[in-house]
Amino acid sequence: MTKKMLIAVVAGLVATPVMAAPAPATPTVSSVSSAKACTTKWRVTGKKVAVRMPRGSAPVASPDSPVVRYLHQGDVVTSCVEAIARTQSGPAYRKCGKGGHVWRIVRGGQVPATCLNRA
């Protein structure tokens, strides 16, 4: 491409009218992949721990929520998010020998935090 042709192409681009509203930015692969991935590992301390899914539109599981699957002692799961279940009369659940309010959100559902230790 000659210098004159290049100048003509650039001049044509500059002379093109610009839209009044800028187009919304779409996420690119690089911007999506730059988000920090969850890498916090937790080891199961209980013998057999149920992964429970909250009923209906409830945000937090309860001890009588449906069981999705089981985790066994020594299994390692990844979780960076927790759900807090507050009650007026003591702990929300009593699992793995302790009472608690915190449920760790893992793949498939929620697990009582008292049954997990940081790996």
PDB file of N, CA and C in Angstrom:
ATOM      1  N   MET A   1       0.854  -1.168   0.000  1.00  0.00           N
ATOM      2  CA  MET A   1       0.000   0.000   0.000  1.00  0.00           C
ATOM      3  C   MET A   1       0.900   1.231   0.000  1.00  0.00           C
ATOM      4  N   THR A   2       0.594   2.173  -0.892  1.00  0.00           N
ATOM      5  CA  THR A   2       1.416   3.372  -0.979  1.00  0.00           C
ATOM      6  C   THR A   2       1.005   4.351   0.101  1.00  0.00           C
ATOM      7  N   LYS A   3       1.837   5.380   0.250  1.00  0.00           N
ATOM      8  CA  LYS A   3       1.614   6.390   1.271  1.00  0.00           C
ATOM      9  C   LYS A   3       0.319   7.162   1.002  1.00  0.00           C
ATOM     10  N   LYS A   4       0.044   7.474  -0.285  1.00  0.00           N
ATOM     11  CA  LYS A   4      -1.179   8.206  -0.637  1.00  0.00           C
ATOM     12  C   LYS A   4      -2.416   7.382  -0.316  1.00  0.00           C
ATOM     13  N   MET A   5      -2.360   6.076  -0.619  1.00  0.00           N
ATOM     14  CA  MET A   5      -3.511   5.224  -0.348  1.00  0.00           C
ATOM     15  C   MET A   5      -3.769   5.123   1.152  1.00  0.00           C
ATOM     16  N   LEU A   6      -2.711   5.006   1.941  1.00  0.00           N
ATOM     17  CA  LEU A   6      -2.832   4.923   3.374  1.00  0.00           C
ATOM     18  C   LEU A   6      -3.450   6.189   3.943  1.00  0.00           C
ATOM     19  N   ILE A   7      -3.024   7.352   3.448  1.00  0.00           N
ATOM     20  CA  ILE A   7      -3.571   8.637   3.901  1.00  0.00           C
ATOM     21  C   ILE A   7      -5.041   8.726   3.536  1.00  0.00           C
ATOM     22  N   ALA A   8      -5.417   8.258   2.361  1.00  0.00           N
ATOM     23  CA  ALA A   8      -6.804   8.298   1.916  1.00  0.00           C
ATOM     24  C   ALA A   8      -7.684   7.396   2.797  1.00  0.00           C
ATOM     25  N   VAL A   9      -7.176   6.219   3.145  1.00  0.00           N
ATOM     26  CA  VAL A   9      -7.936   5.297   3.991  1.00  0.00           C
ATOM     27  C   VAL A   9      -8.124   5.891   5.384  1.00  0.00           C
ATOM     28  N   VAL A  10      -7.061   6.447   5.951  1.00  0.00           N
ATOM     29  CA  VAL A  10      -7.140   7.060   7.277  1.00  0.00           C
ATOM     30  C   VAL A  10      -8.075   8.259   7.238  1.00  0.00           C
ATOM     31  N   ALA A  11      -7.998   9.083   6.204  1.00  0.00           N
ATOM     32  CA  ALA A  11      -8.875  10.241   6.077  1.00  0.00           C
ATOM     33  C   ALA A  11     -10.329   9.791   5.972  1.00  0.00           C
ATOM     34  N   GLY A  12     -10.577   8.704   5.272  1.00  0.00           N
ATOM     35  CA  GLY A  12     -11.932   8.173   5.154  1.00  0.00           C
ATOM     36  C   GLY A  12     -12.468   7.693   6.488  1.00  0.00           C
ATOM     37  N   LEU A  13     -11.610   7.090   7.290  1.00  0.00           N
ATOM     38  CA  LEU A  13     -12.033   6.633   8.612  1.00  0.00           C
ATOM     39  C   LEU A  13     -12.324   7.807   9.536  1.00  0.00           C
ATOM     40  N   VAL A  14     -11.512   8.845   9.455  1.00  0.00           N
ATOM     41  CA  VAL A  14     -11.705  10.016  10.299  1.00  0.00           C
ATOM     42  C   VAL A  14     -12.969  10.760   9.893  1.00  0.00           C
ATOM     43  N   ALA A  15     -13.267  10.788   8.612  1.00  0.00           N
ATOM     44  CA  ALA A  15     -14.420  11.525   8.123  1.00  0.00           C
ATOM     45  C   ALA A  15     -15.724  10.774   8.356  1.00  0.00           C
ATOM     46  N   THR A  16     -15.662   9.477   8.717  1.00  0.00           N
ATOM     47  CA  THR A  16     -16.871   8.703   8.947  1.00  0.00           C
ATOM     48  C   THR A  16     -17.569   9.233  10.194  1.00  0.00           C
ATOM     49  N   PRO A  17     -18.890   9.479  10.109  1.00  0.00           N
ATOM     50  CA  PRO A  17     -19.593   9.995  11.285  1.00  0.00           C
ATOM     51  C   PRO A  17     -19.579   8.969  12.419  1.00  0.00           C
ATOM     52  N   VAL A  18     -19.471   9.466  13.631  1.00  0.00           N
ATOM     53  CA  VAL A  18     -19.424   8.632  14.829  1.00  0.00           C
ATOM     54  C   VAL A  18     -20.826   8.561  15.412  1.00  0.00           C
ATOM     55  N   MET A  19     -21.207   7.407  15.889  1.00  0.00           N
ATOM     56  CA  MET A  19     -22.531   7.250  16.488  1.00  0.00           C
ATOM     57  C   MET A  19     -22.621   8.101  17.758  1.00  0.00           C
ATOM     58  N   ALA A  20     -23.806   8.571  18.075  1.00  0.00           N
ATOM     59  CA  ALA A  20     -23.997   9.435  19.233  1.00  0.00           C
ATOM     60  C   ALA A  20     -23.731   8.689  20.534  1.00  0.00           C
ATOM     61  N   ALA A  21     -24.227   7.465  20.657  1.00  0.00           N
ATOM     62  CA  ALA A  21     -24.023   6.692  21.887  1.00  0.00           C
ATOM     63  C   ALA A  21     -22.984   5.614  21.628  1.00  0.00           C
ATOM     64  N   PRO A  22     -21.986   5.516  22.471  1.00  0.00           N
ATOM     65  CA  PRO A  22     -20.981   4.482  22.268  1.00  0.00           C
ATOM     66  C   PRO A  22     -21.576   3.103  22.528  1.00  0.00           C
ATOM     67  N   ALA A  23     -21.097   2.125  21.804  1.00  0.00           N
ATOM     68  CA  ALA A  23     -21.571   0.756  21.979  1.00  0.00           C
ATOM     69  C   ALA A  23     -21.091   0.242  23.332  1.00  0.00           C
ATOM     70  N   PRO A  24     -21.933  -0.536  24.031  1.00  0.00           N
ATOM     71  CA  PRO A  24     -21.505  -1.059  25.326  1.00  0.00           C
ATOM     72  C   PRO A  24     -20.344  -2.026  25.155  1.00  0.00           C
ATOM     73  N   ALA A  25     -19.431  -1.974  26.087  1.00  0.00           N
ATOM     74  CA  ALA A  25     -18.267  -2.848  26.018  1.00  0.00           C
ATOM     75  C   ALA A  25     -18.687  -4.275  26.329  1.00  0.00           C
ATOM     76  N   THR A  26     -18.264  -5.191  25.501  1.00  0.00           N
ATOM     77  CA  THR A  26     -18.560  -6.590  25.750  1.00  0.00           C
ATOM     78  C   THR A  26     -17.367  -7.224  26.431  1.00  0.00           C
ATOM     79  N   PRO A  27     -17.618  -8.173  27.348  1.00  0.00           N
ATOM     80  CA  PRO A  27     -16.483  -8.789  28.025  1.00  0.00           C
ATOM     81  C   PRO A  27     -15.654  -9.614  27.052  1.00  0.00           C
ATOM     82  N   THR A  28     -14.383  -9.507  27.194  1.00  0.00           N
ATOM     83  CA  THR A  28     -13.487 -10.284  26.344  1.00  0.00           C
ATOM     84  C   THR A  28     -12.936 -11.449  27.145  1.00  0.00           C
ATOM     85  N   VAL A  29     -12.305 -12.352  26.467  1.00  0.00           N
ATOM     86  CA  VAL A  29     -11.746 -13.509  27.142  1.00  0.00           C
ATOM     87  C   VAL A  29     -10.712 -13.083  28.168  1.00  0.00           C
ATOM     88  N   SER A  30      -9.900 -12.114  27.831  1.00  0.00           N
ATOM     89  CA  SER A  30      -8.861 -11.688  28.760  1.00  0.00           C
ATOM     90  C   SER A  30      -9.448 -11.021  29.993  1.00  0.00           C
ATOM     91  N   SER A  31     -10.546 -10.253  29.852  1.00  0.00           N
ATOM     92  CA  SER A  31     -11.118  -9.594  31.021  1.00  0.00           C
ATOM     93  C   SER A  31     -11.864 -10.585  31.895  1.00  0.00           C
ATOM     94  N   VAL A  32     -12.470 -11.611  31.291  1.00  0.00           N
ATOM     95  CA  VAL A  32     -13.182 -12.614  32.074  1.00  0.00           C
ATOM     96  C   VAL A  32     -12.190 -13.514  32.793  1.00  0.00           C
ATOM     97  N   SER A  33     -11.127 -13.897  32.144  1.00  0.00           N
ATOM     98  CA  SER A  33     -10.161 -14.797  32.756  1.00  0.00           C
ATOM     99  C   SER A  33      -9.307 -14.097  33.806  1.00  0.00           C
ATOM    100  N   SER A  34      -9.312 -12.776  33.838  1.00  0.00           N
ATOM    101  CA  SER A  34      -8.511 -12.074  34.828  1.00  0.00           C
ATOM    102  C   SER A  34      -9.171 -12.091  36.197  1.00  0.00           C
ATOM    103  N   ALA A  35     -10.447 -12.503  36.289  1.00  0.00           N
ATOM    104  CA  ALA A  35     -11.103 -12.604  37.583  1.00  0.00           C
ATOM    105  C   ALA A  35     -10.422 -13.702  38.389  1.00  0.00           C
ATOM    106  N   LYS A  36     -10.283 -13.459  39.688  1.00  0.00           N
ATOM    107  CA  LYS A  36      -9.581 -14.403  40.535  1.00  0.00           C
ATOM    108  C   LYS A  36     -10.429 -15.654  40.741  1.00  0.00           C
ATOM    109  N   ALA A  37      -9.874 -16.785  40.412  1.00  0.00           N
ATOM    110  CA  ALA A  37     -10.580 -18.051  40.573  1.00  0.00           C
ATOM    111  C   ALA A  37     -10.490 -18.512  42.020  1.00  0.00           C
ATOM    112  N   CYS A  38     -11.489 -19.219  42.461  1.00  0.00           N
ATOM    113  CA  CYS A  38     -11.517 -19.730  43.832  1.00  0.00           C
ATOM    114  C   CYS A  38     -10.547 -20.892  43.960  1.00  0.00           C
ATOM    115  N   THR A  39      -9.637 -20.792  44.902  1.00  0.00           N
ATOM    116  CA  THR A  39      -8.658 -21.857  45.102  1.00  0.00           C
ATOM    117  C   THR A  39      -8.567 -22.293  46.556  1.00  0.00           C
ATOM    118  N   THR A  40      -9.504 -21.891  47.404  1.00  0.00           N
ATOM    119  CA  THR A  40      -9.464 -22.250  48.815  1.00  0.00           C
ATOM    120  C   THR A  40      -9.946 -23.687  48.985  1.00  0.00           C
ATOM    121  N   LYS A  41      -9.088 -24.533  49.532  1.00  0.00           N
ATOM    122  CA  LYS A  41      -9.386 -25.957  49.695  1.00  0.00           C
ATOM    123  C   LYS A  41      -9.782 -26.234  51.146  1.00  0.00           C
ATOM    124  N   TRP A  42     -10.748 -27.131  51.314  1.00  0.00           N
ATOM    125  CA  TRP A  42     -11.246 -27.534  52.627  1.00  0.00           C
ATOM    126  C   TRP A  42     -11.247 -29.062  52.697  1.00  0.00           C
ATOM    127  N   ARG A  43     -10.782 -29.614  53.831  1.00  0.00           N
ATOM    128  CA  ARG A  43     -10.755 -31.064  54.030  1.00  0.00           C
ATOM    129  C   ARG A  43     -11.916 -31.453  54.935  1.00  0.00           C
ATOM    130  N   VAL A  44     -12.617 -32.524  54.564  1.00  0.00           N
ATOM    131  CA  VAL A  44     -13.766 -33.006  55.331  1.00  0.00           C
ATOM    132  C   VAL A  44     -13.255 -33.723  56.578  1.00  0.00           C
ATOM    133  N   THR A  45     -13.780 -33.327  57.760  1.00  0.00           N
ATOM    134  CA  THR A  45     -13.363 -33.933  59.024  1.00  0.00           C
ATOM    135  C   THR A  45     -14.369 -34.954  59.542  1.00  0.00           C
ATOM    136  N   GLY A  46     -15.633 -34.838  59.134  1.00  0.00           N
ATOM    137  CA  GLY A  46     -16.658 -35.789  59.574  1.00  0.00           C
ATOM    138  C   GLY A  46     -16.534 -37.100  58.827  1.00  0.00           C
ATOM    139  N   LYS A  47     -17.141 -38.177  59.376  1.00  0.00           N
ATOM    140  CA  LYS A  47     -17.080 -39.486  58.709  1.00  0.00           C
ATOM    141  C   LYS A  47     -17.811 -39.460  57.371  1.00  0.00           C
ATOM    142  N   LYS A  48     -19.060 -38.996  57.393  1.00  0.00           N
ATOM    143  CA  LYS A  48     -19.880 -38.928  56.190  1.00  0.00           C
ATOM    144  C   LYS A  48     -20.726 -37.665  56.311  1.00  0.00           C
ATOM    145  N   VAL A  49     -20.493 -36.709  55.425  1.00  0.00           N
ATOM    146  CA  VAL A  49     -21.142 -35.395  55.510  1.00  0.00           C
ATOM    147  C   VAL A  49     -22.018 -35.194  54.279  1.00  0.00           C
ATOM    148  N   ALA A  50     -23.255 -34.780  54.518  1.00  0.00           N
ATOM    149  CA  ALA A  50     -24.199 -34.562  53.425  1.00  0.00           C
ATOM    150  C   ALA A  50     -24.003 -33.184  52.802  1.00  0.00           C
ATOM    151  N   VAL A  51     -24.025 -33.128  51.479  1.00  0.00           N
ATOM    152  CA  VAL A  51     -24.079 -31.856  50.745  1.00  0.00           C
ATOM    153  C   VAL A  51     -25.562 -31.615  50.502  1.00  0.00           C
ATOM    154  N   ARG A  52     -26.085 -30.522  51.043  1.00  0.00           N
ATOM    155  CA  ARG A  52     -27.521 -30.254  50.988  1.00  0.00           C
ATOM    156  C   ARG A  52     -27.837 -29.065  50.097  1.00  0.00           C
ATOM    157  N   MET A  53     -28.986 -29.137  49.426  1.00  0.00           N
ATOM    158  CA  MET A  53     -29.476 -28.061  48.573  1.00  0.00           C
ATOM    159  C   MET A  53     -30.633 -27.391  49.308  1.00  0.00           C
ATOM    160  N   PRO A  54     -30.603 -26.061  49.436  1.00  0.00           N
ATOM    161  CA  PRO A  54     -31.708 -25.366  50.121  1.00  0.00           C
ATOM    162  C   PRO A  54     -33.044 -25.641  49.433  1.00  0.00           C
ATOM    163  N   ARG A  55     -34.096 -25.701  50.226  1.00  0.00           N
ATOM    164  CA  ARG A  55     -35.445 -25.943  49.692  1.00  0.00           C
ATOM    165  C   ARG A  55     -35.992 -24.686  49.046  1.00  0.00           C
ATOM    166  N   GLY A  56     -36.685 -24.862  47.934  1.00  0.00           N
ATOM    167  CA  GLY A  56     -37.380 -23.759  47.275  1.00  0.00           C
ATOM    168  C   GLY A  56     -36.473 -22.579  46.986  1.00  0.00           C
ATOM    169  N   SER A  57     -36.873 -21.410  47.456  1.00  0.00           N
ATOM    170  CA  SER A  57     -36.091 -20.194  47.207  1.00  0.00           C
ATOM    171  C   SER A  57     -35.270 -19.785  48.427  1.00  0.00           C
ATOM    172  N   ALA A  58     -35.107 -20.681  49.376  1.00  0.00           N
ATOM    173  CA  ALA A  58     -34.317 -20.372  50.577  1.00  0.00           C
ATOM    174  C   ALA A  58     -32.850 -20.189  50.196  1.00  0.00           C
ATOM    175  N   PRO A  59     -32.192 -19.166  50.739  1.00  0.00           N
ATOM    176  CA  PRO A  59     -30.787 -18.936  50.396  1.00  0.00           C
ATOM    177  C   PRO A  59     -29.815 -19.841  51.148  1.00  0.00           C
ATOM    178  N   VAL A  60     -30.268 -20.397  52.297  1.00  0.00           N
ATOM    179  CA  VAL A  60     -29.381 -21.195  53.135  1.00  0.00           C
ATOM    180  C   VAL A  60     -30.031 -22.554  53.398  1.00  0.00           C
ATOM    181  N   ALA A  61     -29.218 -23.595  53.382  1.00  0.00           N
ATOM    182  CA  ALA A  61     -29.714 -24.939  53.655  1.00  0.00           C
ATOM    183  C   ALA A  61     -30.056 -25.075  55.136  1.00  0.00           C
ATOM    184  N   SER A  62     -30.781 -26.123  55.457  1.00  0.00           N
ATOM    185  CA  SER A  62     -31.096 -26.439  56.849  1.00  0.00           C
ATOM    186  C   SER A  62     -30.810 -27.923  57.048  1.00  0.00           C
ATOM    187  N   PRO A  63     -30.787 -28.400  58.284  1.00  0.00           N
ATOM    188  CA  PRO A  63     -30.482 -29.813  58.512  1.00  0.00           C
ATOM    189  C   PRO A  63     -31.464 -30.782  57.844  1.00  0.00           C
ATOM    190  N   ASP A  64     -32.656 -30.308  57.505  1.00  0.00           N
ATOM    191  CA  ASP A  64     -33.619 -31.193  56.845  1.00  0.00           C
ATOM    192  C   ASP A  64     -33.763 -30.905  55.344  1.00  0.00           C
ATOM    193  N   SER A  65     -32.859 -30.125  54.771  1.00  0.00           N
ATOM    194  CA  SER A  65     -32.858 -29.876  53.326  1.00  0.00           C
ATOM    195  C   SER A  65     -32.491 -31.159  52.587  1.00  0.00           C
ATOM    196  N   PRO A  66     -32.918 -31.294  51.328  1.00  0.00           N
ATOM    197  CA  PRO A  66     -32.611 -32.521  50.576  1.00  0.00           C
ATOM    198  C   PRO A  66     -31.110 -32.721  50.355  1.00  0.00           C
ATOM    199  N   VAL A  67     -30.693 -33.973  50.452  1.00  0.00           N
ATOM    200  CA  VAL A  67     -29.283 -34.341  50.261  1.00  0.00           C
ATOM    201  C   VAL A  67     -29.013 -34.534  48.776  1.00  0.00           C
ATOM    202  N   VAL A  68     -27.946 -33.889  48.288  1.00  0.00           N
ATOM    203  CA  VAL A  68     -27.540 -34.010  46.887  1.00  0.00           C
ATOM    204  C   VAL A  68     -26.529 -35.144  46.729  1.00  0.00           C
ATOM    205  N   ARG A  69     -25.565 -35.182  47.619  1.00  0.00           N
ATOM    206  CA  ARG A  69     -24.522 -36.215  47.598  1.00  0.00           C
ATOM    207  C   ARG A  69     -23.846 -36.221  48.959  1.00  0.00           C
ATOM    208  N   TYR A  70     -22.902 -37.122  49.147  1.00  0.00           N
ATOM    209  CA  TYR A  70     -22.172 -37.217  50.407  1.00  0.00           C
ATOM    210  C   TYR A  70     -20.678 -36.995  50.177  1.00  0.00           C
ATOM    211  N   LEU A  71     -20.035 -36.427  51.176  1.00  0.00           N
ATOM    212  CA  LEU A  71     -18.581 -36.306  51.217  1.00  0.00           C
ATOM    213  C   LEU A  71     -18.101 -37.210  52.340  1.00  0.00           C
ATOM    214  N   HIS A  72     -16.923 -37.772  52.175  1.00  0.00           N
ATOM    215  CA  HIS A  72     -16.386 -38.677  53.181  1.00  0.00           C
ATOM    216  C   HIS A  72     -15.125 -38.089  53.789  1.00  0.00           C
ATOM    217  N   GLN A  73     -14.790 -38.559  54.979  1.00  0.00           N
ATOM    218  CA  GLN A  73     -13.637 -38.042  55.712  1.00  0.00           C
ATOM    219  C   GLN A  73     -12.393 -38.083  54.839  1.00  0.00           C
ATOM    220  N   GLY A  74     -11.692 -36.941  54.786  1.00  0.00           N
ATOM    221  CA  GLY A  74     -10.471 -36.826  53.993  1.00  0.00           C
ATOM    222  C   GLY A  74     -10.688 -36.235  52.611  1.00  0.00           C
ATOM    223  N   ASP A  75     -11.924 -36.192  52.123  1.00  0.00           N
ATOM    224  CA  ASP A  75     -12.198 -35.567  50.825  1.00  0.00           C
ATOM    225  C   ASP A  75     -11.817 -34.090  50.884  1.00  0.00           C
ATOM    226  N   VAL A  76     -11.378 -33.554  49.763  1.00  0.00           N
ATOM    227  CA  VAL A  76     -11.017 -32.136  49.674  1.00  0.00           C
ATOM    228  C   VAL A  76     -11.976 -31.465  48.700  1.00  0.00           C
ATOM    229  N   VAL A  77     -12.573 -30.351  49.143  1.00  0.00           N
ATOM    230  CA  VAL A  77     -13.499 -29.579  48.310  1.00  0.00           C
ATOM    231  C   VAL A  77     -13.004 -28.145  48.214  1.00  0.00           C
ATOM    232  N   THR A  78     -13.481 -27.433  47.213  1.00  0.00           N
ATOM    233  CA  THR A  78     -13.124 -26.034  47.007  1.00  0.00           C
ATOM    234  C   THR A  78     -14.329 -25.174  47.350  1.00  0.00           C
ATOM    235  N   SER A  79     -14.090 -24.140  48.167  1.00  0.00           N
ATOM    236  CA  SER A  79     -15.166 -23.224  48.535  1.00  0.00           C
ATOM    237  C   SER A  79     -14.580 -21.884  48.945  1.00  0.00           C
ATOM    238  N   CYS A  80     -15.126 -20.814  48.380  1.00  0.00           N
ATOM    239  CA  CYS A  80     -14.720 -19.465  48.745  1.00  0.00           C
ATOM    240  C   CYS A  80     -15.897 -18.641  49.266  1.00  0.00           C
ATOM    241  N   VAL A  81     -17.078 -19.258  49.293  1.00  0.00           N
ATOM    242  CA  VAL A  81     -18.276 -18.533  49.691  1.00  0.00           C
ATOM    243  C   VAL A  81     -18.954 -19.287  50.823  1.00  0.00           C
ATOM    244  N   GLU A  82     -19.512 -18.533  51.755  1.00  0.00           N
ATOM    245  CA  GLU A  82     -20.248 -19.161  52.840  1.00  0.00           C
ATOM    246  C   GLU A  82     -21.623 -18.521  52.977  1.00  0.00           C
ATOM    247  N   ALA A  83     -22.566 -19.291  53.514  1.00  0.00           N
ATOM    248  CA  ALA A  83     -23.913 -18.805  53.772  1.00  0.00           C
ATOM    249  C   ALA A  83     -24.120 -18.841  55.282  1.00  0.00           C
ATOM    250  N   ILE A  84     -24.688 -17.782  55.824  1.00  0.00           N
ATOM    251  CA  ILE A  84     -24.901 -17.670  57.267  1.00  0.00           C
ATOM    252  C   ILE A  84     -26.379 -17.886  57.574  1.00  0.00           C
ATOM    253  N   ALA A  85     -26.677 -18.820  58.462  1.00  0.00           N
ATOM    254  CA  ALA A  85     -28.053 -19.087  58.886  1.00  0.00           C
ATOM    255  C   ALA A  85     -28.178 -18.673  60.358  1.00  0.00           C
ATOM    256  N   ARG A  86     -28.831 -17.576  60.610  1.00  0.00           N
ATOM    257  CA  ARG A  86     -28.996 -17.090  61.980  1.00  0.00           C
ATOM    258  C   ARG A  86     -30.341 -17.533  62.540  1.00  0.00           C
ATOM    259  N   THR A  87     -30.339 -17.939  63.786  1.00  0.00           N
ATOM    260  CA  THR A  87     -31.575 -18.305  64.461  1.00  0.00           C
ATOM    261  C   THR A  87     -31.624 -17.602  65.811  1.00  0.00           C
ATOM    262  N   GLN A  88     -32.818 -17.483  66.356  1.00  0.00           N
ATOM    263  CA  GLN A  88     -32.986 -16.839  67.656  1.00  0.00           C
ATOM    264  C   GLN A  88     -32.616 -17.781  68.793  1.00  0.00           C
ATOM    265  N   SER A  89     -32.805 -19.064  68.601  1.00  0.00           N
ATOM    266  CA  SER A  89     -32.611 -20.022  69.695  1.00  0.00           C
ATOM    267  C   SER A  89     -31.407 -20.929  69.448  1.00  0.00           C
ATOM    268  N   GLY A  90     -30.226 -20.404  69.583  1.00  0.00           N
ATOM    269  CA  GLY A  90     -29.022 -21.221  69.460  1.00  0.00           C
ATOM    270  C   GLY A  90     -28.564 -21.448  68.036  1.00  0.00           C
ATOM    271  N   PRO A  91     -27.710 -22.476  67.850  1.00  0.00           N
ATOM    272  CA  PRO A  91     -27.136 -22.732  66.530  1.00  0.00           C
ATOM    273  C   PRO A  91     -28.180 -23.218  65.528  1.00  0.00           C
ATOM    274  N   ALA A  92     -27.916 -22.962  64.262  1.00  0.00           N
ATOM    275  CA  ALA A  92     -28.827 -23.367  63.188  1.00  0.00           C
ATOM    276  C   ALA A  92     -28.735 -24.870  62.931  1.00  0.00           C
ATOM    277  N   TYR A  93     -27.597 -25.478  63.259  1.00  0.00           N
ATOM    278  CA  TYR A  93     -27.429 -26.920  63.081  1.00  0.00           C
ATOM    279  C   TYR A  93     -26.442 -27.435  64.102  1.00  0.00           C
ATOM    280  N   ARG A  94     -26.444 -28.742  64.301  1.00  0.00           N
ATOM    281  CA  ARG A  94     -25.484 -29.416  65.159  1.00  0.00           C
ATOM    282  C   ARG A  94     -24.949 -30.599  64.358  1.00  0.00           C
ATOM    283  N   LYS A  95     -23.761 -30.418  63.782  1.00  0.00           N
ATOM    284  CA  LYS A  95     -23.155 -31.440  62.923  1.00  0.00           C
ATOM    285  C   LYS A  95     -21.687 -31.607  63.273  1.00  0.00           C
ATOM    286  N   CYS A  96     -21.185 -32.816  63.145  1.00  0.00           N
ATOM    287  CA  CYS A  96     -19.772 -33.145  63.395  1.00  0.00           C
ATOM    288  C   CYS A  96     -19.346 -32.758  64.808  1.00  0.00           C
ATOM    289  N   GLY A  97     -20.254 -32.913  65.754  1.00  0.00           N
ATOM    290  CA  GLY A  97     -19.935 -32.675  67.159  1.00  0.00           C
ATOM    291  C   GLY A  97     -19.962 -31.224  67.593  1.00  0.00           C
ATOM    292  N   LYS A  98     -20.359 -30.303  66.720  1.00  0.00           N
ATOM    293  CA  LYS A  98     -20.387 -28.879  67.065  1.00  0.00           C
ATOM    294  C   LYS A  98     -21.640 -28.241  66.490  1.00  0.00           C
ATOM    295  N   GLY A  99     -22.065 -27.182  67.129  1.00  0.00           N
ATOM    296  CA  GLY A  99     -23.176 -26.404  66.595  1.00  0.00           C
ATOM    297  C   GLY A  99     -22.628 -25.233  65.796  1.00  0.00           C
ATOM    298  N   GLY A 100     -23.395 -24.772  64.820  1.00  0.00           N
ATOM    299  CA  GLY A 100     -22.910 -23.655  64.022  1.00  0.00           C
ATOM    300  C   GLY A 100     -23.986 -22.985  63.202  1.00  0.00           C
ATOM    301  N   HIS A 101     -23.588 -21.891  62.565  1.00  0.00           N
ATOM    302  CA  HIS A 101     -24.467 -21.096  61.707  1.00  0.00           C
ATOM    303  C   HIS A 101     -23.968 -21.044  60.269  1.00  0.00           C
ATOM    304  N   VAL A 102     -22.718 -21.376  60.040  1.00  0.00           N
ATOM    305  CA  VAL A 102     -22.078 -21.159  58.742  1.00  0.00           C
ATOM    306  C   VAL A 102     -22.134 -22.432  57.898  1.00  0.00           C
ATOM    307  N   TRP A 103     -22.594 -22.268  56.662  1.00  0.00           N
ATOM    308  CA  TRP A 103     -22.591 -23.341  55.672  1.00  0.00           C
ATOM    309  C   TRP A 103     -21.614 -22.934  54.573  1.00  0.00           C
ATOM    310  N   ARG A 104     -20.696 -23.815  54.196  1.00  0.00           N
ATOM    311  CA  ARG A 104     -19.775 -23.561  53.083  1.00  0.00           C
ATOM    312  C   ARG A 104     -20.472 -23.985  51.795  1.00  0.00           C
ATOM    313  N   ILE A 105     -20.429 -23.135  50.787  1.00  0.00           N
ATOM    314  CA  ILE A 105     -21.041 -23.440  49.498  1.00  0.00           C
ATOM    315  C   ILE A 105     -20.006 -24.160  48.641  1.00  0.00           C
ATOM    316  N   VAL A 106     -20.321 -25.398  48.292  1.00  0.00           N
ATOM    317  CA  VAL A 106     -19.439 -26.239  47.475  1.00  0.00           C
ATOM    318  C   VAL A 106     -20.191 -26.644  46.215  1.00  0.00           C
ATOM    319  N   ARG A 107     -19.523 -27.369  45.322  1.00  0.00           N
ATOM    320  CA  ARG A 107     -20.176 -27.830  44.093  1.00  0.00           C
ATOM    321  C   ARG A 107     -21.357 -28.717  44.459  1.00  0.00           C
ATOM    322  N   GLY A 108     -22.535 -28.326  44.024  1.00  0.00           N
ATOM    323  CA  GLY A 108     -23.727 -29.127  44.244  1.00  0.00           C
ATOM    324  C   GLY A 108     -24.601 -28.691  45.399  1.00  0.00           C
ATOM    325  N   GLY A 109     -24.085 -27.899  46.334  1.00  0.00           N
ATOM    326  CA  GLY A 109     -24.912 -27.498  47.461  1.00  0.00           C
ATOM    327  C   GLY A 109     -24.114 -26.840  48.578  1.00  0.00           C
ATOM    328  N   GLN A 110     -24.527 -27.125  49.820  1.00  0.00           N
ATOM    329  CA  GLN A 110     -23.912 -26.496  50.982  1.00  0.00           C
ATOM    330  C   GLN A 110     -23.568 -27.556  52.027  1.00  0.00           C
ATOM    331  N   VAL A 111     -22.451 -27.324  52.732  1.00  0.00           N
ATOM    332  CA  VAL A 111     -21.946 -28.245  53.743  1.00  0.00           C
ATOM    333  C   VAL A 111     -21.748 -27.464  55.039  1.00  0.00           C
ATOM    334  N   PRO A 112     -22.097 -28.057  56.203  1.00  0.00           N
ATOM    335  CA  PRO A 112     -21.830 -27.368  57.472  1.00  0.00           C
ATOM    336  C   PRO A 112     -20.337 -27.091  57.633  1.00  0.00           C
ATOM    337  N   ALA A 113     -20.005 -25.873  57.984  1.00  0.00           N
ATOM    338  CA  ALA A 113     -18.591 -25.474  58.118  1.00  0.00           C
ATOM    339  C   ALA A 113     -17.916 -26.180  59.269  1.00  0.00           C
ATOM    340  N   THR A 114     -18.681 -26.674  60.260  1.00  0.00           N
ATOM    341  CA  THR A 114     -18.074 -27.378  61.383  1.00  0.00           C
ATOM    342  C   THR A 114     -17.502 -28.727  60.953  1.00  0.00           C
ATOM    343  N   CYS A 115     -17.858 -29.204  59.779  1.00  0.00           N
ATOM    344  CA  CYS A 115     -17.363 -30.495  59.273  1.00  0.00           C
ATOM    345  C   CYS A 115     -16.182 -30.317  58.321  1.00  0.00           C
ATOM    346  N   LEU A 116     -15.660 -29.092  58.191  1.00  0.00           N
ATOM    347  CA  LEU A 116     -14.549 -28.825  57.272  1.00  0.00           C
ATOM    348  C   LEU A 116     -13.422 -28.114  58.000  1.00  0.00           C
ATOM    349  N   ASN A 117     -12.199 -28.420  57.615  1.00  0.00           N
ATOM    350  CA  ASN A 117     -11.001 -27.705  58.077  1.00  0.00           C
ATOM    351  C   ASN A 117     -10.236 -27.252  56.850  1.00  0.00           C
ATOM    352  N   ARG A 118      -9.562 -26.117  56.962  1.00  0.00           N
ATOM    353  CA  ARG A 118      -8.765 -25.596  55.858  1.00  0.00           C
ATOM    354  C   ARG A 118      -7.661 -26.580  55.508  1.00  0.00           C
ATOM    355  N   ALA A 119      -7.561 -26.939  54.244  1.00  0.00           N
ATOM    356  CA  ALA A 119      -6.546 -27.904  53.796  1.00  0.00           C
ATOM    357  C   ALA A 119      -5.251 -27.213  53.451  1.00  0.00           C
TER     358      ALA A 119
END
